[in-house]
Amino acid sequence: MSELEITRDTGHITYLTPEGYVRLQAELEHLTVVKRPEIADRIRESQQHGEFSEDNSELDEVKFEQAMVENRIAELKTLFSGAAAIDPERVSTDVVGVASIVKVRDLEFGDEFEVQVVAGIEADPNEDRVSIESPMGQALLGFAAGQEVEFESPSGLKRYAILAIRK
């Protein structure tokens, strides 16, 4: 069994899909190269207008945005200090692991759909990317096609059959 057939714990390394790694690197670069200087310019501009009063809501908004950007930069830098992009060739199709694309059938309603199991920072329900920390992601990890999983969701107990696993 490879390290990517993990099961419930990725240790200290956060495994990211290659696409997620690139997307988050681009976000970090955009925040540091574009957003940070843009915000600094807006703060200087506001201060040059002599608006140092406590009522300067524009300055407050920009400082709030600056704090949000700096927090996200710190979060991404921390992530990348312990992150690795998964080699797609090493993603198992035997059992569900990080980066697996899983076709499931809802055993209550019969609906079939695919999700990709990813690190929490990559999760996006609109893109069918499910976090390994989510109830569904945790339930799927380590199981093979042909097996059934169940988990508690906000709408109650869910039961799925795993139909296929692909890279």
N, C-alpha and C. Protein backbone atom coordinates (compact mmCIF):
# COMPACT_ATOMS: atom_id res chain seq x y z
N MET A 1 0.86 -1.19 0.00
CA MET A 1 0.00 0.00 0.00
C MET A 1 0.90 1.24 0.00
N SER A 2 0.63 2.18 -0.89
CA SER A 2 1.44 3.38 -0.99
C SER A 2 0.99 4.41 0.03
N GLU A 3 1.81 5.44 0.20
CA GLU A 3 1.45 6.50 1.15
C GLU A 3 0.18 7.23 0.72
N LEU A 4 -0.15 7.16 -0.57
CA LEU A 4 -1.33 7.86 -1.04
C LEU A 4 -2.60 7.05 -0.86
N GLU A 5 -2.48 5.83 -0.46
CA GLU A 5 -3.66 5.02 -0.17
C GLU A 5 -4.02 5.23 1.29
N ILE A 6 -3.61 6.34 1.77
CA ILE A 6 -3.78 6.61 3.15
C ILE A 6 -5.16 6.47 3.53
N THR A 7 -5.02 6.49 4.57
CA THR A 7 -6.21 6.07 5.09
C THR A 7 -6.75 7.23 5.84
N ARG A 8 -6.47 7.50 7.01
CA ARG A 8 -7.14 8.58 7.71
C ARG A 8 -6.21 9.70 8.18
N ASP A 9 -4.91 9.55 7.99
CA ASP A 9 -4.01 10.57 8.52
C ASP A 9 -2.89 10.84 7.54
N THR A 10 -2.71 12.07 7.17
CA THR A 10 -1.64 12.41 6.24
C THR A 10 -0.39 12.89 6.99
N GLY A 11 -0.35 12.73 8.29
CA GLY A 11 0.82 13.14 9.04
C GLY A 11 0.98 14.64 9.00
N HIS A 12 2.24 15.08 8.87
CA HIS A 12 2.52 16.51 8.86
C HIS A 12 2.54 17.10 7.46
N ILE A 13 2.41 16.27 6.46
CA ILE A 13 2.43 16.75 5.08
C ILE A 13 1.00 16.93 4.60
N THR A 14 0.74 18.06 3.97
CA THR A 14 -0.55 18.27 3.33
C THR A 14 -0.38 17.94 1.86
N TYR A 15 -1.06 16.88 1.43
CA TYR A 15 -0.98 16.49 0.03
C TYR A 15 -2.01 17.26 -0.77
N LEU A 16 -1.55 17.88 -1.86
CA LEU A 16 -2.42 18.66 -2.73
C LEU A 16 -2.41 18.06 -4.12
N THR A 17 -3.52 18.23 -4.82
CA THR A 17 -3.52 17.83 -6.23
C THR A 17 -2.56 18.77 -6.96
N PRO A 18 -1.99 18.35 -8.07
CA PRO A 18 -1.11 19.25 -8.82
C PRO A 18 -1.83 20.55 -9.20
N GLU A 19 -3.11 20.44 -9.59
CA GLU A 19 -3.88 21.64 -9.96
C GLU A 19 -4.07 22.55 -8.74
N GLY A 20 -4.37 21.95 -7.60
CA GLY A 20 -4.56 22.73 -6.38
C GLY A 20 -3.28 23.41 -5.95
N TYR A 21 -2.15 22.70 -6.06
CA TYR A 21 -0.86 23.27 -5.71
C TYR A 21 -0.58 24.51 -6.55
N VAL A 22 -0.78 24.38 -7.87
CA VAL A 22 -0.54 25.50 -8.79
C VAL A 22 -1.52 26.65 -8.49
N ARG A 23 -2.78 26.32 -8.27
CA ARG A 23 -3.80 27.34 -8.01
C ARG A 23 -3.47 28.12 -6.72
N LEU A 24 -3.05 27.42 -5.67
CA LEU A 24 -2.74 28.09 -4.41
C LEU A 24 -1.43 28.87 -4.51
N GLN A 25 -0.46 28.36 -5.27
CA GLN A 25 0.78 29.12 -5.51
C GLN A 25 0.47 30.42 -6.24
N ALA A 26 -0.41 30.34 -7.24
CA ALA A 26 -0.80 31.54 -8.00
C ALA A 26 -1.52 32.53 -7.10
N GLU A 27 -2.36 32.02 -6.20
CA GLU A 27 -3.05 32.91 -5.26
C GLU A 27 -2.04 33.61 -4.36
N LEU A 28 -1.07 32.87 -3.84
CA LEU A 28 -0.04 33.47 -2.98
C LEU A 28 0.75 34.53 -3.74
N GLU A 29 1.12 34.23 -4.96
CA GLU A 29 1.87 35.20 -5.76
C GLU A 29 1.04 36.45 -6.02
N HIS A 30 -0.23 36.27 -6.35
CA HIS A 30 -1.12 37.41 -6.61
C HIS A 30 -1.26 38.28 -5.35
N LEU A 31 -1.42 37.64 -4.21
CA LEU A 31 -1.58 38.40 -2.97
C LEU A 31 -0.32 39.19 -2.63
N THR A 32 0.85 38.58 -2.83
CA THR A 32 2.10 39.25 -2.45
C THR A 32 2.57 40.26 -3.49
N VAL A 33 2.36 39.97 -4.77
CA VAL A 33 2.88 40.82 -5.83
C VAL A 33 1.88 41.91 -6.24
N VAL A 34 0.60 41.61 -6.19
CA VAL A 34 -0.41 42.56 -6.67
C VAL A 34 -1.19 43.19 -5.51
N LYS A 35 -1.83 42.35 -4.71
CA LYS A 35 -2.74 42.87 -3.68
C LYS A 35 -2.03 43.67 -2.59
N ARG A 36 -0.94 43.12 -2.08
CA ARG A 36 -0.23 43.78 -0.98
C ARG A 36 0.21 45.19 -1.38
N PRO A 37 0.89 45.38 -2.52
CA PRO A 37 1.27 46.74 -2.93
C PRO A 37 0.06 47.64 -3.21
N GLU A 38 -0.99 47.06 -3.78
CA GLU A 38 -2.21 47.83 -4.06
C GLU A 38 -2.80 48.39 -2.76
N ILE A 39 -2.85 47.57 -1.75
CA ILE A 39 -3.40 48.00 -0.46
C ILE A 39 -2.49 49.05 0.19
N ALA A 40 -1.18 48.84 0.10
CA ALA A 40 -0.24 49.82 0.66
C ALA A 40 -0.42 51.17 -0.02
N ASP A 41 -0.62 51.16 -1.35
CA ASP A 41 -0.85 52.42 -2.08
C ASP A 41 -2.14 53.09 -1.61
N ARG A 42 -3.18 52.30 -1.41
CA ARG A 42 -4.45 52.87 -0.96
C ARG A 42 -4.34 53.46 0.44
N ILE A 43 -3.56 52.84 1.30
CA ILE A 43 -3.36 53.38 2.66
C ILE A 43 -2.59 54.69 2.58
N ARG A 44 -1.51 54.71 1.80
CA ARG A 44 -0.72 55.95 1.63
C ARG A 44 -1.59 57.07 1.07
N GLU A 45 -2.39 56.73 0.07
CA GLU A 45 -3.27 57.71 -0.55
C GLU A 45 -4.25 58.29 0.46
N SER A 46 -4.81 57.47 1.27
CA SER A 46 -5.78 57.91 2.28
C SER A 46 -5.08 58.79 3.32
N GLN A 47 -3.88 58.40 3.69
CA GLN A 47 -3.14 59.18 4.70
C GLN A 47 -2.68 60.52 4.13
N GLN A 48 -2.34 60.57 2.84
CA GLN A 48 -1.89 61.81 2.22
C GLN A 48 -3.01 62.84 2.13
N HIS A 49 -4.23 62.36 2.14
CA HIS A 49 -5.35 63.29 2.11
C HIS A 49 -5.62 63.89 3.49
N GLY A 50 -4.76 63.53 4.44
CA GLY A 50 -4.89 64.10 5.78
C GLY A 50 -6.08 63.58 6.55
N GLU A 51 -6.57 62.44 6.15
CA GLU A 51 -7.75 61.89 6.81
C GLU A 51 -7.32 60.93 7.91
N PHE A 52 -6.84 61.49 9.01
CA PHE A 52 -6.40 60.67 10.13
C PHE A 52 -7.45 60.59 11.23
N SER A 53 -8.61 61.13 10.95
CA SER A 53 -9.64 61.14 11.99
C SER A 53 -10.12 59.72 12.26
N GLU A 54 -10.72 59.55 13.41
CA GLU A 54 -11.24 58.24 13.79
C GLU A 54 -12.43 57.85 12.92
N ASP A 55 -13.01 58.80 12.19
CA ASP A 55 -14.17 58.51 11.35
C ASP A 55 -13.78 58.07 9.95
N ASN A 56 -12.52 57.95 9.68
CA ASN A 56 -12.10 57.62 8.32
C ASN A 56 -12.45 56.15 8.02
N SER A 57 -13.67 55.95 7.58
CA SER A 57 -14.13 54.59 7.33
C SER A 57 -13.40 53.94 6.15
N GLU A 58 -13.01 54.77 5.17
CA GLU A 58 -12.27 54.21 4.04
C GLU A 58 -10.94 53.63 4.51
N LEU A 59 -10.24 54.35 5.36
CA LEU A 59 -8.96 53.87 5.89
C LEU A 59 -9.19 52.61 6.72
N ASP A 60 -10.25 52.60 7.51
CA ASP A 60 -10.57 51.41 8.31
C ASP A 60 -10.83 50.20 7.42
N GLU A 61 -11.57 50.42 6.33
CA GLU A 61 -11.87 49.33 5.41
C GLU A 61 -10.60 48.79 4.76
N VAL A 62 -9.72 49.69 4.37
CA VAL A 62 -8.48 49.27 3.72
C VAL A 62 -7.60 48.52 4.71
N LYS A 63 -7.53 48.99 5.94
CA LYS A 63 -6.73 48.30 6.96
C LYS A 63 -7.31 46.92 7.28
N PHE A 64 -8.64 46.82 7.25
CA PHE A 64 -9.28 45.52 7.45
C PHE A 64 -8.92 44.58 6.30
N GLU A 65 -8.99 45.09 5.08
CA GLU A 65 -8.63 44.29 3.91
C GLU A 65 -7.16 43.87 3.98
N GLN A 66 -6.31 44.80 4.44
CA GLN A 66 -4.89 44.49 4.60
C GLN A 66 -4.70 43.34 5.58
N ALA A 67 -5.42 43.37 6.68
CA ALA A 67 -5.31 42.30 7.69
C ALA A 67 -5.75 40.96 7.08
N MET A 68 -6.83 40.99 6.31
CA MET A 68 -7.33 39.77 5.69
C MET A 68 -6.29 39.21 4.70
N VAL A 69 -5.71 40.07 3.89
CA VAL A 69 -4.71 39.65 2.91
C VAL A 69 -3.48 39.09 3.62
N GLU A 70 -3.01 39.79 4.65
CA GLU A 70 -1.83 39.32 5.37
C GLU A 70 -2.09 37.99 6.07
N ASN A 71 -3.29 37.81 6.59
CA ASN A 71 -3.64 36.52 7.21
C ASN A 71 -3.64 35.40 6.18
N ARG A 72 -4.17 35.67 4.99
CA ARG A 72 -4.21 34.65 3.95
C ARG A 72 -2.80 34.33 3.46
N ILE A 73 -1.96 35.36 3.32
CA ILE A 73 -0.57 35.13 2.92
C ILE A 73 0.12 34.24 3.95
N ALA A 74 -0.07 34.54 5.22
CA ALA A 74 0.55 33.73 6.28
C ALA A 74 0.03 32.29 6.24
N GLU A 75 -1.29 32.14 6.02
CA GLU A 75 -1.89 30.81 5.95
C GLU A 75 -1.28 30.01 4.78
N LEU A 76 -1.15 30.64 3.63
CA LEU A 76 -0.60 29.94 2.47
C LEU A 76 0.88 29.62 2.64
N LYS A 77 1.64 30.54 3.22
CA LYS A 77 3.07 30.27 3.47
C LYS A 77 3.24 29.10 4.43
N THR A 78 2.39 29.06 5.46
CA THR A 78 2.44 27.94 6.41
C THR A 78 2.08 26.64 5.70
N LEU A 79 1.05 26.70 4.88
CA LEU A 79 0.65 25.51 4.12
C LEU A 79 1.81 24.99 3.28
N PHE A 80 2.44 25.87 2.51
CA PHE A 80 3.50 25.44 1.60
C PHE A 80 4.77 24.98 2.31
N SER A 81 4.92 25.35 3.57
CA SER A 81 6.09 24.86 4.31
C SER A 81 5.96 23.37 4.60
N GLY A 82 4.75 22.83 4.48
CA GLY A 82 4.56 21.40 4.72
C GLY A 82 3.64 20.76 3.69
N ALA A 83 3.68 21.25 2.46
CA ALA A 83 2.79 20.72 1.42
C ALA A 83 3.59 20.04 0.33
N ALA A 84 2.94 19.10 -0.32
CA ALA A 84 3.55 18.43 -1.46
C ALA A 84 2.46 18.17 -2.49
N ALA A 85 2.82 18.36 -3.75
CA ALA A 85 1.90 18.04 -4.83
C ALA A 85 1.98 16.54 -5.08
N ILE A 86 0.85 15.92 -5.22
CA ILE A 86 0.80 14.49 -5.45
C ILE A 86 1.12 14.20 -6.91
N ASP A 87 1.98 13.23 -7.11
CA ASP A 87 2.26 12.77 -8.47
C ASP A 87 1.04 11.97 -8.93
N PRO A 88 0.36 12.42 -9.97
CA PRO A 88 -0.86 11.73 -10.41
C PRO A 88 -0.65 10.24 -10.67
N GLU A 89 0.57 9.87 -11.08
CA GLU A 89 0.85 8.45 -11.34
C GLU A 89 0.84 7.61 -10.06
N ARG A 90 0.99 8.25 -8.92
CA ARG A 90 1.03 7.52 -7.65
C ARG A 90 -0.34 7.44 -6.98
N VAL A 91 -1.35 8.06 -7.57
CA VAL A 91 -2.69 8.00 -6.99
C VAL A 91 -3.24 6.60 -7.24
N SER A 92 -3.63 5.94 -6.18
CA SER A 92 -4.15 4.58 -6.29
C SER A 92 -5.55 4.56 -6.87
N THR A 93 -5.83 3.52 -7.62
CA THR A 93 -7.20 3.29 -8.06
C THR A 93 -7.77 2.06 -7.35
N ASP A 94 -7.01 1.52 -6.40
CA ASP A 94 -7.46 0.36 -5.63
C ASP A 94 -8.34 0.79 -4.46
N VAL A 95 -7.91 1.82 -3.75
CA VAL A 95 -8.69 2.35 -2.63
C VAL A 95 -8.69 3.87 -2.71
N VAL A 96 -9.67 4.48 -2.07
CA VAL A 96 -9.79 5.94 -2.08
C VAL A 96 -8.69 6.56 -1.24
N GLY A 97 -8.01 7.55 -1.81
CA GLY A 97 -7.00 8.31 -1.10
C GLY A 97 -7.09 9.76 -1.55
N VAL A 98 -6.16 10.57 -1.10
CA VAL A 98 -6.12 11.97 -1.50
C VAL A 98 -5.90 12.04 -3.01
N ALA A 99 -6.69 12.84 -3.69
CA ALA A 99 -6.67 13.07 -5.13
C ALA A 99 -7.47 12.05 -5.93
N SER A 100 -8.00 11.02 -5.28
CA SER A 100 -8.84 10.05 -5.99
C SER A 100 -10.12 10.71 -6.47
N ILE A 101 -10.56 10.31 -7.64
CA ILE A 101 -11.87 10.70 -8.15
C ILE A 101 -12.76 9.48 -7.98
N VAL A 102 -13.84 9.66 -7.24
CA VAL A 102 -14.66 8.53 -6.81
C VAL A 102 -16.07 8.67 -7.37
N LYS A 103 -16.53 7.64 -8.04
CA LYS A 103 -17.92 7.60 -8.50
C LYS A 103 -18.72 6.83 -7.46
N VAL A 104 -19.78 7.46 -6.98
CA VAL A 104 -20.61 6.84 -5.94
C VAL A 104 -22.07 6.84 -6.35
N ARG A 105 -22.82 5.96 -5.70
CA ARG A 105 -24.27 5.93 -5.87
C ARG A 105 -24.89 6.13 -4.49
N ASP A 106 -25.80 7.10 -4.40
CA ASP A 106 -26.56 7.34 -3.18
C ASP A 106 -27.53 6.17 -3.05
N LEU A 107 -27.40 5.39 -1.98
CA LEU A 107 -28.21 4.19 -1.84
C LEU A 107 -29.66 4.50 -1.46
N GLU A 108 -29.95 5.71 -1.03
CA GLU A 108 -31.32 6.07 -0.71
C GLU A 108 -32.07 6.55 -1.96
N PHE A 109 -31.40 7.38 -2.76
CA PHE A 109 -32.08 8.00 -3.90
C PHE A 109 -31.66 7.43 -5.26
N GLY A 110 -30.56 6.69 -5.30
CA GLY A 110 -30.10 6.11 -6.56
C GLY A 110 -29.28 7.03 -7.43
N ASP A 111 -29.05 8.26 -7.01
CA ASP A 111 -28.26 9.21 -7.79
C ASP A 111 -26.80 8.76 -7.85
N GLU A 112 -26.18 8.93 -9.01
CA GLU A 112 -24.76 8.65 -9.17
C GLU A 112 -24.03 9.94 -9.49
N PHE A 113 -22.86 10.11 -8.90
CA PHE A 113 -22.06 11.30 -9.14
C PHE A 113 -20.62 11.03 -8.77
N GLU A 114 -19.73 11.93 -9.19
CA GLU A 114 -18.31 11.81 -8.88
C GLU A 114 -17.87 12.95 -7.98
N VAL A 115 -16.94 12.64 -7.09
CA VAL A 115 -16.28 13.65 -6.27
C VAL A 115 -14.78 13.36 -6.28
N GLN A 116 -14.01 14.41 -6.07
CA GLN A 116 -12.57 14.23 -5.89
C GLN A 116 -12.27 14.49 -4.42
N VAL A 117 -11.53 13.59 -3.80
CA VAL A 117 -11.16 13.72 -2.40
C VAL A 117 -9.87 14.53 -2.33
N VAL A 118 -9.91 15.65 -1.62
CA VAL A 118 -8.78 16.58 -1.59
C VAL A 118 -8.51 17.07 -0.17
N ALA A 119 -7.38 17.74 0.00
CA ALA A 119 -7.07 18.39 1.28
C ALA A 119 -8.11 19.48 1.55
N GLY A 120 -8.32 19.77 2.80
CA GLY A 120 -9.34 20.75 3.20
C GLY A 120 -9.22 22.08 2.50
N ILE A 121 -8.01 22.57 2.28
CA ILE A 121 -7.82 23.88 1.68
C ILE A 121 -8.24 23.89 0.20
N GLU A 122 -8.32 22.71 -0.42
CA GLU A 122 -8.73 22.62 -1.82
C GLU A 122 -10.22 22.35 -1.99
N ALA A 123 -10.90 22.02 -0.91
CA ALA A 123 -12.30 21.61 -0.99
C ALA A 123 -13.16 22.71 -1.61
N ASP A 124 -14.08 22.28 -2.46
CA ASP A 124 -15.02 23.20 -3.09
C ASP A 124 -16.23 22.40 -3.56
N PRO A 125 -17.34 22.50 -2.83
CA PRO A 125 -18.51 21.71 -3.21
C PRO A 125 -19.03 22.06 -4.60
N ASN A 126 -18.84 23.28 -5.05
CA ASN A 126 -19.29 23.67 -6.39
C ASN A 126 -18.50 22.97 -7.49
N GLU A 127 -17.29 22.53 -7.16
CA GLU A 127 -16.43 21.83 -8.12
C GLU A 127 -16.37 20.34 -7.81
N ASP A 128 -17.21 19.87 -6.90
CA ASP A 128 -17.26 18.45 -6.49
C ASP A 128 -15.92 17.98 -5.91
N ARG A 129 -15.25 18.87 -5.17
CA ARG A 129 -14.02 18.52 -4.46
C ARG A 129 -14.36 18.44 -2.97
N VAL A 130 -14.24 17.25 -2.42
CA VAL A 130 -14.65 16.96 -1.05
C VAL A 130 -13.41 16.87 -0.15
N SER A 131 -13.44 17.54 0.98
CA SER A 131 -12.32 17.55 1.92
C SER A 131 -12.16 16.20 2.61
N ILE A 132 -10.90 15.81 2.83
CA ILE A 132 -10.64 14.59 3.59
C ILE A 132 -11.06 14.74 5.04
N GLU A 133 -11.26 15.99 5.47
CA GLU A 133 -11.70 16.22 6.85
C GLU A 133 -13.23 16.18 6.99
N SER A 134 -13.94 16.22 5.85
CA SER A 134 -15.40 16.22 5.89
C SER A 134 -15.91 14.83 6.24
N PRO A 135 -17.14 14.74 6.72
CA PRO A 135 -17.69 13.41 7.01
C PRO A 135 -17.66 12.48 5.79
N MET A 136 -18.02 13.00 4.62
CA MET A 136 -18.00 12.16 3.42
C MET A 136 -16.57 11.75 3.07
N GLY A 137 -15.64 12.71 3.09
CA GLY A 137 -14.26 12.40 2.76
C GLY A 137 -13.67 11.37 3.70
N GLN A 138 -13.92 11.53 4.99
CA GLN A 138 -13.42 10.56 5.97
C GLN A 138 -14.02 9.18 5.75
N ALA A 139 -15.31 9.15 5.40
CA ALA A 139 -15.97 7.87 5.18
C ALA A 139 -15.39 7.14 3.97
N LEU A 140 -15.03 7.87 2.92
CA LEU A 140 -14.55 7.25 1.68
C LEU A 140 -13.11 6.76 1.79
N LEU A 141 -12.26 7.46 2.54
CA LEU A 141 -10.83 7.13 2.59
C LEU A 141 -10.58 5.67 2.96
N GLY A 142 -9.77 5.02 2.13
CA GLY A 142 -9.35 3.66 2.43
C GLY A 142 -10.29 2.58 1.92
N PHE A 143 -11.44 2.96 1.36
CA PHE A 143 -12.39 1.96 0.87
C PHE A 143 -12.21 1.75 -0.63
N ALA A 144 -12.65 0.59 -1.12
CA ALA A 144 -12.47 0.20 -2.51
C ALA A 144 -13.80 0.20 -3.26
N ALA A 145 -13.70 0.15 -4.58
CA ALA A 145 -14.89 0.03 -5.42
C ALA A 145 -15.61 -1.26 -5.03
N GLY A 146 -16.94 -1.17 -5.00
CA GLY A 146 -17.75 -2.32 -4.60
C GLY A 146 -18.13 -2.29 -3.13
N GLN A 147 -17.49 -1.42 -2.36
CA GLN A 147 -17.81 -1.32 -0.94
C GLN A 147 -18.82 -0.21 -0.70
N GLU A 148 -19.47 -0.28 0.44
CA GLU A 148 -20.42 0.74 0.84
C GLU A 148 -19.88 1.49 2.05
N VAL A 149 -20.20 2.78 2.11
CA VAL A 149 -19.79 3.61 3.24
C VAL A 149 -21.02 4.34 3.76
N GLU A 150 -20.97 4.69 5.02
CA GLU A 150 -22.03 5.52 5.57
C GLU A 150 -21.42 6.55 6.50
N PHE A 151 -22.10 7.67 6.59
CA PHE A 151 -21.61 8.76 7.42
C PHE A 151 -22.77 9.67 7.79
N GLU A 152 -22.56 10.42 8.82
CA GLU A 152 -23.57 11.37 9.29
C GLU A 152 -23.32 12.70 8.60
N SER A 153 -24.32 13.21 7.90
CA SER A 153 -24.23 14.51 7.24
C SER A 153 -25.18 15.47 7.95
N PRO A 154 -25.12 16.75 7.62
CA PRO A 154 -26.06 17.70 8.24
C PRO A 154 -27.53 17.32 7.99
N SER A 155 -27.78 16.61 6.89
CA SER A 155 -29.17 16.22 6.60
C SER A 155 -29.49 14.80 7.05
N GLY A 156 -28.60 14.19 7.83
CA GLY A 156 -28.86 12.85 8.36
C GLY A 156 -27.88 11.82 7.83
N LEU A 157 -28.17 10.56 8.12
CA LEU A 157 -27.30 9.46 7.73
C LEU A 157 -27.32 9.27 6.21
N LYS A 158 -26.14 9.20 5.62
CA LYS A 158 -26.00 8.97 4.18
C LYS A 158 -25.30 7.63 3.97
N ARG A 159 -25.74 6.92 2.95
CA ARG A 159 -25.11 5.64 2.57
C ARG A 159 -24.81 5.68 1.08
N TYR A 160 -23.55 5.40 0.74
CA TYR A 160 -23.12 5.41 -0.66
C TYR A 160 -22.42 4.10 -1.00
N ALA A 161 -22.62 3.66 -2.22
CA ALA A 161 -21.84 2.55 -2.77
C ALA A 161 -20.74 3.18 -3.64
N ILE A 162 -19.52 2.70 -3.46
CA ILE A 162 -18.42 3.17 -4.28
C ILE A 162 -18.43 2.35 -5.57
N LEU A 163 -18.65 3.02 -6.69
CA LEU A 163 -18.76 2.34 -7.97
C LEU A 163 -17.42 2.24 -8.69
N ALA A 164 -16.61 3.29 -8.61
CA ALA A 164 -15.32 3.29 -9.31
C ALA A 164 -14.40 4.31 -8.68
N ILE A 165 -13.10 4.07 -8.84
CA ILE A 165 -12.07 5.00 -8.37
C ILE A 165 -11.11 5.22 -9.53
N ARG A 166 -10.84 6.48 -9.83
CA ARG A 166 -9.89 6.77 -10.90
C ARG A 166 -8.98 7.92 -10.48
N LYS A 167 -7.95 8.13 -11.30
CA LYS A 167 -6.98 9.19 -11.04
C LYS A 167 -7.52 10.51 -11.54
